[in-house]
Amino acid sequence: MTEAKYKKIETILKQRIIDQTYPLNSLLPTELELAQEFNTSRPTINHAIHNLVQEGLLEQRKRLGTLVKRNKIQQEFTHLIQSYNQEMSTKGLKTKTKVLYFKKITPNSVVTHKNWTLY
C-alpha cells in the first residue's frame, strides 16, 4: 500500500521546517505555489498544511498566510528519565546556562558545625 500524497508532502514540509529551509516566523509559500511545486491539487496541500497546524509546527493567519512557529514542548510520560538538556535536544531545541548572580559567602555557625557527608 502506498503512502497518501498529502502525507508525503506533509513529511517534506516538516523536514523543511526542521532543517530551517522555512525558518521560524517565516511565511510558507502559498497553497497554490506548493500545489504547482508538488504537481498536485490545492486541497491536497491544504490537508498536509492542516496536519502540520494541528501538530503545532504551522499557524494559519487570515490575510497573511501560513507561518512557521516553534513547536510547543509536549511532555510525555515515559519510562526513560533524561536530563533537561537531553530532553530538549531530542525535541530539537538548544539549551544554555547563564549565571545571573554569584557571591561567595561565609557559612553561619549551624552550617560549619554540621557533620556533612558528601556523596
Foldseek 3Di string as FASTA:
>chain_A
DDDDPLVVVLVVVVVCDLVPVPDAFHADPALVVVCVVSVHDSVSPVVSVVVCVVQQQWDQDPPPHIGGHDGDDDDDDDPDDDDPQVSCVVVSHHDDDDDPDDDDDDDDPVVVPDDDDDD
